[in-house]
Amino acid sequence: MAVQGLKTVKSSHPPQETMSRLEAAVKAKGLTVFARIDHAEGAAAARLSLRPTEVLIFGNAKGGTPLMQAGQTIGIDLPLKALVWQDAAGETWLSLNDPAWLATRHGLSGVETVIGRLAALLEDVAKTATTA
């Protein structure tokens, strides 16, 4: 399933473990975790069913501020978000916004170095969260 601007990686771990590994990896990089939202839990509270679907909201001012200085509208996409979800076949996936796509979406220029560092960081935490 390809979604424009979204990078999705298959995890070798179940959803809860993938999310816990992701949260630990984000914190190990010195980033702040602002929220962990369990959509399946919310659905259950509304007496609806939803396969495991959880969002982690994280970031830091050092990385986000230069992007907002280049174009404040990117603030709608910051802090960063990661989605861990389980498909109908029981496979676990991790989805993240592609930083380059976000920069293009908001018409940012002159932020290639920041975007490159952010992309590398996200690739690293995604690998830590999803691989054995």
Protein backbone atom coordinates (compact mmCIF):
# COMPACT_ATOMS: atom_id res chain seq x y z
CA MET A 1 0.00 0.00 0.00
CA ALA A 2 1.77 3.14 -1.20
CA VAL A 3 0.66 6.46 0.25
CA GLN A 4 2.27 9.64 -1.06
CA GLY A 5 4.74 11.09 1.42
CA LEU A 6 4.57 8.11 3.74
CA LYS A 7 7.33 5.59 4.36
CA THR A 8 6.08 2.24 5.60
CA VAL A 9 8.29 -0.56 6.94
CA LYS A 10 7.26 -4.09 7.87
CA SER A 11 8.07 -5.03 11.45
CA SER A 12 9.31 -8.40 12.63
CA HIS A 13 7.64 -7.74 16.01
CA PRO A 14 4.01 -7.60 17.12
CA PRO A 15 2.40 -4.12 17.30
CA GLN A 16 2.82 -3.47 21.02
CA GLU A 17 6.47 -4.52 20.98
CA THR A 18 7.16 -2.49 17.84
CA MET A 19 5.70 0.62 19.48
CA SER A 20 7.61 0.06 22.71
CA ARG A 21 10.84 -0.42 20.77
CA LEU A 22 10.11 2.73 18.75
CA GLU A 23 9.43 4.78 21.86
CA ALA A 24 12.67 3.56 23.47
CA ALA A 25 14.66 4.32 20.29
CA VAL A 26 13.20 7.83 20.07
CA LYS A 27 14.05 8.54 23.70
CA ALA A 28 17.56 7.09 23.24
CA LYS A 29 18.12 9.69 20.49
CA GLY A 30 17.30 12.46 22.98
CA LEU A 31 13.90 13.27 21.53
CA THR A 32 10.83 14.08 23.61
CA VAL A 33 7.79 11.80 23.47
CA PHE A 34 4.75 14.04 23.70
CA ALA A 35 2.02 11.41 23.41
CA ARG A 36 1.28 7.79 22.68
CA ILE A 37 -2.24 7.40 21.32
CA ASP A 38 -3.90 3.99 21.15
CA HIS A 39 -6.64 4.25 18.51
CA ALA A 40 -7.74 0.63 19.06
CA GLU A 41 -8.29 1.37 22.75
CA GLY A 42 -10.37 4.41 21.80
CA ALA A 43 -12.39 2.33 19.38
CA ALA A 44 -13.02 -0.30 22.05
CA ALA A 45 -14.24 2.40 24.44
CA ALA A 46 -16.76 3.38 21.75
CA ARG A 47 -17.72 -0.32 21.36
CA LEU A 48 -16.09 -0.51 17.94
CA SER A 49 -13.39 -2.84 16.76
CA LEU A 50 -10.07 -1.79 15.28
CA ARG A 51 -6.92 -3.79 14.73
CA PRO A 52 -3.92 -2.53 16.72
CA THR A 53 -3.29 1.06 15.63
CA GLU A 54 -1.12 3.35 17.73
CA VAL A 55 0.51 6.76 17.13
CA LEU A 56 3.64 8.11 18.76
CA ILE A 57 4.11 11.91 18.72
CA PHE A 58 7.70 13.00 19.26
CA GLY A 59 10.36 15.56 18.40
CA ASN A 60 12.50 18.38 19.72
CA ALA A 61 12.87 22.10 19.19
CA LYS A 62 16.43 21.83 17.88
CA GLY A 63 15.24 19.88 14.85
CA GLY A 64 11.81 21.38 14.32
CA THR A 65 12.48 25.07 14.82
CA PRO A 66 14.74 25.52 11.76
CA LEU A 67 12.00 23.96 9.64
CA MET A 68 9.36 26.29 11.08
CA GLN A 69 11.71 29.25 10.57
CA ALA A 70 11.82 28.29 6.89
CA GLY A 71 8.02 27.99 6.69
CA GLN A 72 5.74 28.12 9.69
CA THR A 73 3.01 26.00 8.09
CA ILE A 74 5.16 22.90 8.64
CA GLY A 75 4.16 23.33 12.28
CA ILE A 76 0.94 21.50 11.38
CA ASP A 77 3.07 18.41 10.72
CA LEU A 78 5.33 18.86 13.75
CA PRO A 79 6.01 17.32 16.16
CA LEU A 80 6.68 14.18 14.19
CA LYS A 81 4.31 11.24 14.21
CA ALA A 82 4.80 7.51 13.76
CA LEU A 83 2.01 5.00 13.25
CA VAL A 84 2.29 1.35 14.23
CA TRP A 85 -0.54 -0.74 12.84
CA GLN A 86 -1.57 -4.28 12.08
CA ASP A 87 -3.10 -5.24 8.74
CA ALA A 88 -5.88 -7.76 8.09
CA ALA A 89 -3.30 -10.54 7.60
CA GLY A 90 -1.85 -9.89 11.06
CA GLU A 91 1.35 -8.25 9.80
CA THR A 92 2.74 -5.28 11.74
CA TRP A 93 3.81 -2.08 9.99
CA LEU A 94 5.47 1.20 10.97
CA SER A 95 4.57 4.29 8.95
CA LEU A 96 6.32 7.69 9.10
CA ASN A 97 6.01 10.91 7.13
CA ASP A 98 8.92 11.35 4.71
CA PRO A 99 10.74 14.54 5.80
CA ALA A 100 11.58 15.45 2.18
CA TRP A 101 7.90 15.18 1.28
CA LEU A 102 6.99 17.42 4.23
CA ALA A 103 9.53 20.03 3.08
CA THR A 104 8.08 19.92 -0.43
CA ARG A 105 4.52 20.06 0.86
CA HIS A 106 5.31 23.28 2.71
CA GLY A 107 7.53 24.77 -0.01
CA LEU A 108 10.63 24.89 2.19
CA SER A 109 14.02 25.67 0.73
CA GLY A 110 17.48 25.85 2.22
CA VAL A 111 16.70 23.13 4.77
CA GLU A 112 18.23 20.17 2.94
CA THR A 113 20.80 19.51 5.69
CA VAL A 114 18.15 19.48 8.42
CA ILE A 115 15.88 17.27 6.30
CA GLY A 116 18.76 14.88 5.61
CA ARG A 117 19.59 14.55 9.31
CA LEU A 118 15.92 14.07 10.14
CA ALA A 119 15.49 11.41 7.47
CA ALA A 120 18.56 9.53 8.76
CA LEU A 121 17.29 9.73 12.33
CA LEU A 122 13.86 8.40 11.34
CA GLU A 123 15.41 5.59 9.33
CA ASP A 124 17.55 4.63 12.32
CA VAL A 125 14.69 4.57 14.85
CA ALA A 126 12.47 2.71 12.37
CA LYS A 127 15.15 0.04 11.88
CA THR A 128 15.61 -0.31 15.64
CA ALA A 129 11.86 -0.65 16.16
CA THR A 130 11.16 -3.14 13.39
CA THR A 131 14.14 -5.49 13.08
CA ALA A 132 15.08 -8.43 15.23
